[in-house]
Amino acid sequence: MAIETLVLGAGQEVGKSCVVVNINGKRIMFDCGMHMGVSDHRRYPNFSLISPTGDFDTALSCIIITHFHLDHLGALVYFTEVCGFHGPIYMTYPTKALAPLMLEDYRKVLVERRGEEEQFNSDHIAECMKKVIAVDLRQTIQVDKDLQIRAYYAGHFTLFEYLTLILKVLGAAMFHAKVGDSEMVYTGDYNMTPDRHLGAAQIDRLRLDLLITESTYGTTIRDSKYAREREFLDAVHKCVSAGGKVLIPTFGLGRAQELCILMDDYWERMNLKVPIYFSAGLTKQANVYYKMLINWTSQKIKDSYPTNNAFDFKNVCKYERSVLDTPGPCVLFASPGMISGGLSLEVFKRWAPFENTLVALPGYCLPGTVGHVLMSKPPKIELDPNTKIDVRCQVHQLAFSPHTDSKGIMDLIKFLSPKHVILVHGEKPKMVSLKEKIHSEMGIPCYHPANNETVSVPSTVYVKAQASDAFMERCLKPNFKLHKCSSQELSIKTLTDKNIVPELQVINEKAVFIVEDKSKKLKVVHNDEVLVMLGEKKTED
């Protein structure tokens, strides 16, 4: 039997994660993401490859969403409400709580700000979420009589230090799936390195036929998070001290709040008076976010909420449109990240032509986004045939990504020791390099399929066999024979290893056979029993 993996997204690219795995007849869709960098048919996975007739309920056993980022979640509503999948969808409780916020914000950006045709509406989002079954970490879910799934902490979400002390996890999870004796793990995005904001991924030792792992930073080994935070703060401080403006394009949940907490604390310590603006959309989401967290904490934490709201920043102000043209230094957090549209793109158009502006990109930027083009520091950026932007601003890319690096990927593979590895969510050259490293250092077959390609690997089938009484008795008794080495053998061994002078050689005469008895059942027997079955007598050496 085999495990077949159809990669519909994140094959030799970052973004649009969607992988369909067939384990012994059970088909699971892991993630249902969209591509932030394109606006044509490539935005969503090619769902027709799952079922040419569109009968997705029959074709899929379930959908599993690893976390609420749009490149893992963005196509879900389209698939359920437009394409017509009505089966079960599994995700963690935090992901279920935060997913509607992300999806609604994405819908507004597409329709209200970009003027694109509506792919789904707010009612569709609500109907989609009704199909979701929330799961706890390490909770075993029996999807049907054959398929079993379990979530493990992935360490991907960028939480704040004190919230991490309250909660074990928020959102991101690896998922283990088992059908019969066949087992596999899909990592989603994860982080193997603990730091002051989050813990490392946590998973049991498992007997895996297949590990499907992200490989975003497959050839990178990052320095400490503290050094990166210092670099970020120094760049921002230098810019505002010279009277400049700082644009930090970021997505609404997680990283924006993390960086705001970091900067608010720094502003206090350095006694800085430069305003930090947090856009209204982000503020609204942040408050919902925190209130949601409060409900999962102890009564003591709930009681302290009125005086210890994590988002009551001393140095962060609500964004007003007048800020765009107000003279003097400031810092502005604006969504979406990657400067893919919305407020961040509007502000970029206004501020990019000035040399004292700093655009700080705090994470990975997908090809096709303004952020990705900006990383090469071009003199101009063409948004469309009628819109060109002069780029005189400073650009600083910061490694605040919560993805694991090369060492983390290798550590996870060494820990789990799967029989096969499939790389997704990475750029092709990095995947090729990582694939060769995995194969050469660990001897594990590794694959890096492109989108719409299928990889088939053998799955495990354990055969039950009864052990004979004679075999069990022999297992409980020593069955070794000491054999004296001949002078010729001794001279050879001494020549090959001068530190060893063997006088005796230990020989294990135990031999095991699996036979089929008269009732057609498999049986584990000792070699003496085989001879009896064949009607022969045991001969002495």
Protein backbone atom coordinates (compact mmCIF):
# COMPACT_ATOMS: atom_id res chain seq x y z
CA MET A 1 0.00 0.00 0.00
CA ALA A 2 1.08 3.61 -0.52
CA ILE A 3 0.56 7.15 0.74
CA GLU A 4 -0.15 9.50 -2.15
CA THR A 5 0.49 13.22 -1.71
CA LEU A 6 -1.01 15.71 -4.17
CA VAL A 7 0.51 19.17 -3.75
CA LEU A 8 -2.02 21.82 -4.79
CA GLY A 9 -0.15 24.74 -3.25
CA ALA A 10 3.22 25.68 -1.67
CA GLY A 11 4.96 23.31 -4.09
CA GLN A 12 8.37 24.90 -4.77
CA GLU A 13 6.94 28.24 -3.63
CA VAL A 14 5.93 30.05 -0.45
CA GLY A 15 2.21 30.73 -0.17
CA LYS A 16 -1.11 29.03 -1.01
CA SER A 17 -0.48 26.02 1.21
CA CYS A 18 -2.74 23.12 0.23
CA VAL A 19 -1.75 19.44 0.29
CA VAL A 20 -4.10 16.48 -0.23
CA VAL A 21 -2.86 13.21 1.27
CA ASN A 22 -4.41 9.81 0.52
CA ILE A 23 -3.66 7.35 3.34
CA ASN A 24 -5.07 3.90 2.71
CA GLY A 25 -8.12 5.33 0.96
CA LYS A 26 -8.70 8.27 3.33
CA ARG A 27 -8.05 11.65 1.71
CA ILE A 28 -7.20 14.62 3.92
CA MET A 29 -6.73 18.20 2.75
CA PHE A 30 -4.10 19.90 4.88
CA ASP A 31 -4.57 23.69 4.71
CA CYS A 32 -6.55 25.60 2.10
CA GLY A 33 -4.58 28.77 1.50
CA MET A 34 -4.46 31.52 -1.08
CA HIS A 35 -1.54 33.28 -2.78
CA MET A 36 -1.12 36.90 -1.67
CA GLY A 37 1.04 37.85 -4.66
CA VAL A 38 -1.30 37.09 -7.58
CA SER A 39 -4.84 38.11 -8.58
CA ASP A 40 -5.62 35.62 -11.37
CA HIS A 41 -6.54 31.91 -11.36
CA ARG A 42 -3.30 31.10 -9.51
CA ARG A 43 -4.62 32.76 -6.36
CA TYR A 44 -6.47 29.59 -5.27
CA PRO A 45 -5.43 25.91 -5.54
CA ASN A 46 -6.65 23.93 -8.56
CA PHE A 47 -9.45 22.08 -6.76
CA SER A 48 -10.50 20.25 -9.92
CA LEU A 49 -7.55 17.89 -9.41
CA ILE A 50 -9.27 16.57 -6.27
CA SER A 51 -12.48 15.73 -8.11
CA PRO A 52 -13.04 16.49 -11.80
CA THR A 53 -16.80 16.20 -11.23
CA GLY A 54 -16.81 18.55 -8.23
CA ASP A 55 -18.01 15.87 -5.80
CA PHE A 56 -15.68 17.02 -3.03
CA ASP A 57 -17.72 15.49 -0.20
CA THR A 58 -17.00 12.02 -1.59
CA ALA A 59 -13.43 12.82 -2.58
CA LEU A 60 -12.29 14.15 0.83
CA SER A 61 -12.61 12.70 4.31
CA CYS A 62 -11.90 16.03 6.02
CA ILE A 63 -9.97 19.31 5.92
CA ILE A 64 -7.35 20.28 8.51
CA ILE A 65 -6.24 23.91 8.92
CA THR A 66 -2.96 24.35 10.80
CA HIS A 67 -3.31 28.08 11.64
CA PHE A 68 -5.12 31.27 10.68
CA HIS A 69 -2.62 32.93 8.31
CA LEU A 70 -4.17 33.58 4.92
CA ASP A 71 -1.65 31.52 2.98
CA HIS A 72 -3.04 28.52 4.91
CA LEU A 73 -6.67 29.60 5.31
CA GLY A 74 -7.57 32.16 2.63
CA ALA A 75 -9.23 29.78 0.12
CA LEU A 76 -11.28 27.84 2.68
CA VAL A 77 -14.50 29.86 2.40
CA TYR A 78 -14.33 29.77 -1.39
CA PHE A 79 -13.86 25.99 -1.32
CA THR A 80 -16.73 25.32 1.11
CA GLU A 81 -19.31 27.90 0.07
CA VAL A 82 -18.61 28.31 -3.66
CA CYS A 83 -17.13 24.92 -4.62
CA GLY A 84 -19.50 23.08 -2.27
CA PHE A 85 -17.52 21.05 0.26
CA HIS A 86 -19.72 20.20 3.26
CA GLY A 87 -17.51 17.76 5.17
CA PRO A 88 -15.80 18.27 8.54
CA ILE A 89 -13.08 20.92 9.00
CA TYR A 90 -10.67 20.66 11.92
CA MET A 91 -8.57 23.41 13.51
CA THR A 92 -7.51 24.47 17.00
CA TYR A 93 -9.78 26.63 19.17
CA PRO A 94 -7.65 29.79 18.73
CA THR A 95 -7.55 29.30 14.96
CA LYS A 96 -11.34 28.96 14.86
CA ALA A 97 -11.71 32.14 16.92
CA LEU A 98 -9.30 34.21 14.82
CA ALA A 99 -10.05 32.84 11.34
CA PRO A 100 -13.25 34.91 10.79
CA LEU A 101 -11.36 38.13 11.60
CA MET A 102 -8.64 37.38 9.06
CA LEU A 103 -11.09 36.26 6.38
CA GLU A 104 -13.33 39.31 6.77
CA ASP A 105 -10.35 41.67 6.66
CA TYR A 106 -9.10 39.91 3.51
CA ARG A 107 -12.54 40.18 1.90
CA LYS A 108 -12.67 43.91 2.60
CA VAL A 109 -9.21 44.50 1.16
CA LEU A 110 -10.13 42.70 -2.06
CA VAL A 111 -13.57 44.21 -2.59
CA GLU A 112 -13.67 47.59 -0.85
CA ARG A 113 -10.08 48.72 -1.37
CA ARG A 114 -8.94 46.97 -4.56
CA GLY A 115 -12.34 46.96 -6.21
CA GLU A 116 -12.08 43.29 -7.23
CA GLU A 117 -15.02 41.01 -7.86
CA GLU A 118 -16.31 39.50 -4.62
CA GLN A 119 -15.29 35.85 -4.23
CA PHE A 120 -17.34 35.34 -1.05
CA ASN A 121 -19.28 37.52 1.39
CA SER A 122 -19.62 37.85 5.17
CA ASP A 123 -22.50 35.34 5.29
CA HIS A 124 -20.31 32.80 3.49
CA ILE A 125 -17.64 33.20 6.18
CA ALA A 126 -20.21 32.59 8.92
CA GLU A 127 -21.57 29.48 7.16
CA CYS A 128 -18.08 28.12 6.62
CA MET A 129 -17.18 28.46 10.30
CA LYS A 130 -20.26 26.42 11.24
CA LYS A 131 -18.58 23.42 9.62
CA VAL A 132 -15.47 23.78 11.80
CA ILE A 133 -14.79 21.35 14.63
CA ALA A 134 -12.32 22.82 17.14
CA VAL A 135 -9.68 20.56 18.69
CA ASP A 136 -7.37 20.81 21.68
CA LEU A 137 -3.67 20.09 21.56
CA ARG A 138 -2.88 16.38 22.00
CA GLN A 139 -6.57 15.54 21.71
CA THR A 140 -7.11 12.40 19.62
CA ILE A 141 -10.00 12.82 17.17
CA GLN A 142 -11.63 9.82 15.50
CA VAL A 143 -12.78 11.29 12.17
CA ASP A 144 -14.32 7.94 11.20
CA LYS A 145 -13.72 4.32 12.14
CA ASP A 146 -10.39 4.26 10.30
CA LEU A 147 -8.99 7.82 10.34
CA GLN A 148 -7.49 9.29 13.50
CA ILE A 149 -5.91 12.75 13.86
CA ARG A 150 -4.08 14.61 16.62
CA ALA A 151 -2.77 18.18 16.97
CA TYR A 152 0.64 19.15 18.38
CA TYR A 153 1.99 22.58 19.33
CA ALA A 154 3.87 24.10 16.39
CA GLY A 155 5.43 27.12 18.13
CA HIS A 156 4.71 29.28 15.06
CA PHE A 157 2.55 32.04 16.46
CA THR A 158 4.40 35.15 17.69
CA LEU A 159 2.91 35.64 21.14
CA PHE A 160 4.10 38.02 23.77
CA GLU A 161 6.24 36.78 26.63
CA TYR A 162 3.77 37.15 29.47
CA LEU A 163 0.89 35.72 27.47
CA THR A 164 3.06 32.72 26.69
CA LEU A 165 3.40 32.21 30.41
CA ILE A 166 -0.39 32.14 30.69
CA LEU A 167 -1.13 29.97 27.65
CA LYS A 168 0.65 27.01 26.20
CA VAL A 169 -0.32 27.80 22.63
CA LEU A 170 -2.29 30.12 20.45
CA GLY A 171 -3.35 28.66 17.17
CA ALA A 172 -0.61 27.03 15.16
CA ALA A 173 -0.43 23.23 15.25
CA MET A 174 1.22 20.30 13.55
CA PHE A 175 -1.19 17.46 12.76
CA HIS A 176 -0.60 13.72 13.00
CA ALA A 177 -2.84 11.42 10.96
CA LYS A 178 -3.14 7.64 11.25
CA VAL A 179 -5.06 5.12 9.17
CA GLY A 180 -4.45 1.52 10.20
CA ASP A 181 -0.69 1.11 10.62
CA SER A 182 0.17 4.04 8.34
CA GLU A 183 1.13 7.30 10.04
CA MET A 184 2.19 10.75 8.84
CA VAL A 185 2.69 14.30 10.14
CA TYR A 186 2.00 17.59 8.36
CA THR A 187 3.84 20.42 10.09
CA GLY A 188 2.25 23.56 8.68
CA ASP A 189 4.48 26.46 9.75
CA TYR A 190 6.50 25.83 12.89
CA ASN A 191 9.42 27.01 14.99
CA MET A 192 11.87 24.67 16.73
CA THR A 193 13.72 27.43 18.59
CA PRO A 194 12.31 28.76 21.87
CA ASP A 195 12.71 32.46 22.59
CA ARG A 196 11.17 35.08 24.83
CA HIS A 197 7.95 35.25 22.79
CA LEU A 198 7.07 31.61 22.24
CA GLY A 199 8.06 28.06 23.00
CA ALA A 200 9.49 25.56 20.56
CA ALA A 201 7.37 23.02 18.72
CA GLN A 202 6.41 20.01 20.82
CA ILE A 203 5.63 16.58 19.41
CA ASP A 204 5.85 12.94 20.49
CA ARG A 205 8.21 10.39 18.99
CA LEU A 206 6.14 8.65 16.35
CA ARG A 207 6.58 5.82 13.86
CA LEU A 208 6.08 7.84 10.70
CA ASP A 209 5.90 6.69 7.12
CA LEU A 210 5.89 10.30 5.97
CA LEU A 211 6.73 13.77 7.27
CA ILE A 212 5.55 16.77 5.22
CA THR A 213 7.47 19.80 6.43
CA GLU A 214 7.69 23.47 5.52
CA SER A 215 11.08 24.68 4.23
CA THR A 216 10.74 28.48 4.06
CA TYR A 217 14.21 29.04 5.52
CA GLY A 218 15.66 25.72 4.38
CA THR A 219 19.21 27.04 3.92
CA THR A 220 19.27 29.72 6.64
CA ILE A 221 20.57 29.52 10.19
CA ARG A 222 19.40 32.59 12.10
CA ASP A 223 21.03 34.39 14.99
CA SER A 224 19.26 35.00 18.30
CA LYS A 225 15.93 36.80 18.46
CA TYR A 226 17.39 39.34 20.88
CA ALA A 227 20.00 40.43 18.31
CA ARG A 228 17.29 40.86 15.68
CA GLU A 229 15.15 42.92 18.06
CA ARG A 230 18.15 45.15 18.81
CA GLU A 231 18.76 45.64 15.08
CA PHE A 232 15.12 46.58 14.53
CA LEU A 233 15.04 49.11 17.38
CA ASP A 234 18.35 50.70 16.34
CA ALA A 235 17.12 51.19 12.75
CA VAL A 236 13.84 52.77 13.89
CA HIS A 237 15.53 55.00 16.49
CA LYS A 238 18.10 56.25 13.99
CA CYS A 239 15.39 57.18 11.48
CA VAL A 240 13.10 59.08 13.87
CA SER A 241 16.08 60.83 15.51
CA ALA A 242 16.87 62.29 12.08
CA GLY A 243 13.28 63.50 11.70
CA GLY A 244 12.11 60.69 9.43
CA LYS A 245 8.98 58.58 9.25
CA VAL A 246 8.89 54.79 9.70
CA LEU A 247 6.37 52.55 7.93
CA ILE A 248 6.02 49.02 9.31
CA PRO A 249 3.69 47.00 7.05
CA THR A 250 2.35 44.05 9.01
CA PHE A 251 -0.67 41.79 9.24
CA GLY A 252 -3.28 42.60 11.84
CA LEU A 253 -2.74 39.83 14.36
CA GLY A 254 0.34 38.60 16.17
CA ARG A 255 3.47 40.27 14.84
CA ALA A 256 2.02 43.81 14.95
CA GLN A 257 1.16 43.53 18.64
CA GLU A 258 4.47 41.85 19.42
CA LEU A 259 6.47 44.68 17.82
CA CYS A 260 4.26 47.32 19.46
CA ILE A 261 4.96 45.86 22.89
CA LEU A 262 8.67 45.78 22.06
CA MET A 263 8.67 49.41 20.89
CA ASP A 264 6.45 50.70 23.69
CA ASP A 265 8.89 49.31 26.23
CA TYR A 266 11.87 50.78 24.33
CA TRP A 267 10.20 54.20 24.06
CA GLU A 268 9.71 54.19 27.85
CA ARG A 269 13.32 53.25 28.57
CA MET A 270 14.74 55.79 26.09
CA ASN A 271 12.21 58.49 27.02
CA LEU A 272 11.30 59.05 23.36
CA LYS A 273 8.42 61.42 22.52
CA VAL A 274 7.96 60.44 18.85
CA PRO A 275 4.37 59.18 18.26
CA ILE A 276 3.74 55.57 17.31
CA TYR A 277 0.51 55.06 15.36
CA PHE A 278 -1.44 51.83 15.24
CA SER A 279 -4.08 51.77 12.48
CA ALA A 280 -7.72 51.57 13.58
CA GLY A 281 -8.28 48.20 11.94
CA LEU A 282 -5.36 46.72 13.83
CA THR A 283 -6.52 48.23 17.13
CA LYS A 284 -9.98 46.73 16.77
CA GLN A 285 -8.60 43.28 15.99
CA ALA A 286 -6.06 43.50 18.81
CA ASN A 287 -8.75 44.19 21.41
CA VAL A 288 -10.89 41.29 20.19
CA TYR A 289 -7.75 39.17 20.25
CA TYR A 290 -6.91 40.01 23.85
CA LYS A 291 -10.47 39.61 25.14
CA MET A 292 -10.53 36.17 23.55
CA LEU A 293 -7.33 35.25 25.38
CA ILE A 294 -8.71 36.47 28.70
CA ASN A 295 -11.47 33.87 28.62
CA TRP A 296 -8.86 31.08 28.64
CA THR A 297 -6.86 32.32 31.61
CA SER A 298 -7.16 31.91 35.35
CA GLN A 299 -9.67 33.92 37.40
CA LYS A 300 -6.79 36.00 38.76
CA ILE A 301 -5.83 37.10 35.25
CA LYS A 302 -9.44 37.85 34.38
CA ASP A 303 -9.80 39.98 37.50
CA SER A 304 -6.73 42.02 36.58
CA TYR A 305 -7.93 42.69 33.00
CA PRO A 306 -9.38 46.20 33.65
CA THR A 307 -6.00 47.48 34.89
CA ASN A 308 -3.67 45.31 32.80
CA ASN A 309 -4.97 45.38 29.23
CA ALA A 310 -2.04 44.29 27.08
CA PHE A 311 -2.98 46.84 24.42
CA ASP A 312 -3.17 49.95 26.60
CA PHE A 313 0.14 51.23 25.25
CA LYS A 314 1.58 54.38 26.80
CA ASN A 315 3.28 55.55 23.61
CA VAL A 316 1.00 54.18 20.87
CA CYS A 317 -1.77 56.36 19.43
CA LYS A 318 -4.76 55.62 17.24
CA TYR A 319 -4.04 56.31 13.58
CA GLU A 320 -5.78 59.27 11.92
CA ARG A 321 -5.62 60.06 8.20
CA SER A 322 -4.08 63.44 8.92
CA VAL A 323 -0.91 61.60 9.99
CA LEU A 324 -0.07 60.96 6.34
CA ASP A 325 0.83 64.60 5.70
CA THR A 326 1.72 65.77 9.20
CA PRO A 327 5.36 67.01 9.29
CA GLY A 328 7.84 65.52 11.72
CA PRO A 329 8.93 62.02 12.73
CA CYS A 330 6.53 59.17 13.53
CA VAL A 331 6.16 55.39 13.35
CA LEU A 332 3.13 53.79 11.69
CA PHE A 333 2.01 50.16 11.79
CA ALA A 334 -0.25 49.55 8.78
CA SER A 335 -1.85 46.44 7.31
CA PRO A 336 -1.61 44.36 5.27
CA GLY A 337 1.90 43.02 5.44
CA MET A 338 4.09 42.70 2.34
CA ILE A 339 2.53 46.03 1.13
CA SER A 340 0.05 43.97 -0.88
CA GLY A 341 -2.72 46.60 -0.77
CA GLY A 342 -4.81 48.56 1.69
CA LEU A 343 -3.41 51.21 4.03
CA SER A 344 0.20 50.01 3.90
CA LEU A 345 0.27 50.51 0.11
CA GLU A 346 -1.43 53.91 0.36
CA VAL A 347 1.13 55.13 2.91
CA PHE A 348 4.01 53.66 0.90
CA LYS A 349 2.96 55.65 -2.17
CA ARG A 350 3.08 58.88 -0.13
CA TRP A 351 6.26 58.29 1.88
CA ALA A 352 8.51 56.22 -0.44
CA PRO A 353 9.84 59.21 -2.47
CA PHE A 354 11.49 60.73 0.62
CA GLU A 355 15.04 59.79 1.66
CA ASN A 356 14.35 60.15 5.39
CA THR A 357 11.59 57.52 5.29
CA LEU A 358 12.32 54.01 6.56
CA VAL A 359 10.24 51.02 5.43
CA ALA A 360 10.88 48.15 7.85
CA LEU A 361 9.78 44.78 6.44
CA PRO A 362 9.49 42.47 9.46
CA GLY A 363 9.13 39.13 7.65
CA TYR A 364 9.04 37.13 4.42
CA CYS A 365 7.49 38.88 1.39
CA LEU A 366 5.91 36.79 -1.35
CA PRO A 367 6.95 37.23 -4.99
CA GLY A 368 4.39 39.45 -6.70
CA THR A 369 4.00 41.82 -3.74
CA VAL A 370 5.42 45.34 -3.48
CA GLY A 371 7.33 44.23 -0.40
CA HIS A 372 9.18 41.56 -2.38
CA VAL A 373 10.13 44.03 -5.12
CA LEU A 374 11.22 46.56 -2.51
CA MET A 375 13.75 44.14 -1.00
CA SER A 376 15.97 44.63 -4.06
CA LYS A 377 15.85 48.42 -3.43
CA PRO A 378 14.86 49.51 -6.97
CA PRO A 379 14.79 53.22 -7.91
CA LYS A 380 11.20 52.87 -9.13
CA ILE A 381 8.31 50.46 -8.62
CA GLU A 382 5.59 50.08 -11.23
CA LEU A 383 2.25 49.18 -9.68
CA ASP A 384 0.43 49.28 -13.01
CA PRO A 385 0.99 50.92 -16.43
CA ASN A 386 -0.35 54.21 -15.06
CA THR A 387 1.29 54.20 -11.60
CA LYS A 388 5.03 54.38 -10.95
CA ILE A 389 6.53 55.19 -7.56
CA ASP A 390 9.93 56.79 -7.03
CA VAL A 391 11.71 54.83 -4.30
CA ARG A 392 14.18 57.00 -2.39
CA CYS A 393 13.33 55.65 1.06
CA GLN A 394 15.54 53.45 3.21
CA VAL A 395 14.59 49.77 3.28
CA HIS A 396 15.38 47.48 6.17
CA GLN A 397 14.38 43.82 6.11
CA LEU A 398 14.13 42.24 9.53
CA ALA A 399 14.18 38.52 10.30
CA PHE A 400 11.15 38.42 12.62
CA SER A 401 9.60 35.48 10.83
CA PRO A 402 8.26 32.76 13.17
CA HIS A 403 9.26 30.05 10.67
CA THR A 404 11.93 27.59 11.71
CA ASP A 405 15.38 27.74 10.11
CA SER A 406 17.50 25.01 8.52
CA LYS A 407 18.74 23.70 11.85
CA GLY A 408 15.20 23.50 13.20
CA ILE A 409 14.02 21.49 10.18
CA MET A 410 16.94 19.07 10.51
CA ASP A 411 16.36 18.74 14.27
CA LEU A 412 12.71 17.83 13.75
CA ILE A 413 13.54 15.24 11.09
CA LYS A 414 16.23 13.68 13.29
CA PHE A 415 13.81 13.54 16.21
CA LEU A 416 10.94 11.95 14.27
CA SER A 417 13.08 9.74 11.97
CA PRO A 418 10.38 9.34 9.30
CA LYS A 419 10.80 6.85 6.46
CA HIS A 420 10.15 9.59 3.86
CA VAL A 421 10.14 13.41 3.82
CA ILE A 422 8.28 15.80 1.51
CA LEU A 423 9.31 19.47 1.46
CA VAL A 424 6.69 22.18 0.85
CA HIS A 425 6.37 25.94 1.45
CA GLY A 426 9.81 26.92 0.19
CA GLU A 427 11.69 28.24 -2.81
CA LYS A 428 12.97 25.59 -5.23
CA PRO A 429 16.75 26.26 -4.94
CA LYS A 430 16.56 26.11 -1.14
CA MET A 431 14.46 22.95 -1.31
CA VAL A 432 16.99 21.23 -3.56
CA SER A 433 19.83 22.08 -1.18
CA LEU A 434 17.88 20.94 1.88
CA LYS A 435 16.75 17.76 0.14
CA GLU A 436 20.37 16.80 -0.61
CA LYS A 437 21.37 17.53 2.98
CA ILE A 438 18.58 15.36 4.41
CA HIS A 439 19.48 12.48 2.09
CA SER A 440 23.25 12.69 2.64
CA GLU A 441 23.20 13.19 6.42
CA MET A 442 20.28 10.95 7.36
CA GLY A 443 19.77 8.65 4.40
CA ILE A 444 16.05 9.46 4.26
CA PRO A 445 14.38 9.66 0.83
CA CYS A 446 13.24 13.26 0.34
CA TYR A 447 11.02 14.89 -2.30
CA HIS A 448 10.18 18.50 -3.30
CA PRO A 449 7.21 18.31 -5.71
CA ALA A 450 5.96 21.31 -7.64
CA ASN A 451 2.33 22.41 -7.56
CA ASN A 452 -0.13 19.88 -9.02
CA GLU A 453 2.40 17.04 -8.78
CA THR A 454 1.83 13.79 -6.87
CA VAL A 455 4.37 11.84 -4.81
CA SER A 456 3.71 8.23 -3.80
CA VAL A 457 5.60 6.53 -0.94
CA PRO A 458 5.07 3.06 0.53
CA SER A 459 3.04 2.82 3.71
CA THR A 460 3.49 0.46 6.62
CA VAL A 461 1.34 -2.60 7.17
CA TYR A 462 1.99 -4.59 10.34
CA VAL A 463 1.16 -8.30 10.24
CA LYS A 464 0.00 -9.98 13.44
CA ALA A 465 1.58 -13.33 14.22
CA GLN A 466 1.36 -15.63 17.23
CA ALA A 467 4.60 -16.66 18.93
CA SER A 468 5.04 -20.37 19.71
CA ASP A 469 5.72 -21.54 23.26
CA ALA A 470 9.12 -22.88 22.24
CA PHE A 471 10.10 -19.54 20.71
CA MET A 472 9.05 -17.64 23.86
CA GLU A 473 10.96 -20.09 26.05
CA ARG A 474 14.12 -19.67 23.95
CA CYS A 475 13.76 -15.87 24.16
CA LEU A 476 13.89 -16.08 27.95
CA LYS A 477 17.02 -18.24 28.00
CA PRO A 478 20.54 -17.40 26.81
CA ASN A 479 21.31 -19.03 23.51
CA PHE A 480 24.92 -18.07 22.94
CA LYS A 481 27.89 -20.26 22.11
CA LEU A 482 31.50 -19.29 22.73
CA HIS A 483 33.79 -20.10 19.85
CA LYS A 484 37.59 -20.03 20.09
CA CYS A 485 39.28 -18.15 17.28
CA SER A 486 41.83 -20.06 15.25
CA SER A 487 45.40 -18.79 15.20
CA GLN A 488 44.88 -17.61 11.63
CA GLU A 489 41.72 -15.63 12.60
CA LEU A 490 43.50 -14.18 15.60
CA SER A 491 46.43 -12.96 13.53
CA ILE A 492 44.07 -11.28 11.03
CA LYS A 493 42.07 -9.53 13.78
CA THR A 494 45.24 -8.38 15.50
CA LEU A 495 46.54 -6.91 12.25
CA THR A 496 43.32 -5.03 11.51
CA ASP A 497 42.93 -3.64 15.03
CA LYS A 498 45.96 -3.72 17.29
CA ASN A 499 43.87 -2.63 20.29
CA ILE A 500 41.78 -5.80 20.19
CA VAL A 501 43.16 -9.24 20.98
CA PRO A 502 40.10 -11.54 20.76
CA GLU A 503 40.39 -14.96 22.31
CA LEU A 504 36.72 -15.94 22.12
CA GLN A 505 33.97 -15.22 19.60
CA VAL A 506 30.31 -15.08 20.70
CA ILE A 507 27.89 -16.77 18.31
CA ASN A 508 24.11 -16.45 18.57
CA GLU A 509 22.53 -19.59 17.15
CA LYS A 510 18.96 -18.37 17.57
CA ALA A 511 17.06 -18.21 14.31
CA VAL A 512 13.50 -16.97 13.85
CA PHE A 513 11.02 -18.07 11.21
CA ILE A 514 7.51 -16.93 10.38
CA VAL A 515 5.37 -19.76 9.10
CA GLU A 516 1.74 -20.33 8.23
CA ASP A 517 0.12 -23.08 10.30
CA LYS A 518 -2.68 -25.42 9.27
CA SER A 519 -5.32 -22.82 10.19
CA LYS A 520 -3.66 -20.33 7.79
CA LYS A 521 -2.49 -18.13 10.70
CA LEU A 522 1.03 -16.72 10.88
CA LYS A 523 3.24 -18.01 13.65
CA VAL A 524 6.71 -17.05 14.92
CA VAL A 525 8.75 -20.21 15.64
CA HIS A 526 12.30 -21.23 16.55
CA ASN A 527 14.55 -22.93 13.99
CA ASP A 528 14.27 -26.28 15.85
CA GLU A 529 10.49 -26.23 15.31
CA VAL A 530 10.94 -25.64 11.59
CA LEU A 531 13.05 -28.76 11.36
CA VAL A 532 10.36 -30.76 13.14
CA MET A 533 7.73 -29.38 10.78
CA LEU A 534 9.86 -30.48 7.85
CA GLY A 535 10.34 -33.92 9.41
CA GLU A 536 14.09 -33.51 9.87
CA LYS A 537 16.28 -33.97 12.91
CA LYS A 538 18.52 -31.28 14.30
CA THR A 539 22.17 -31.99 13.51
CA GLU A 540 25.01 -30.99 15.79
CA ASP A 541 27.95 -28.93 14.49
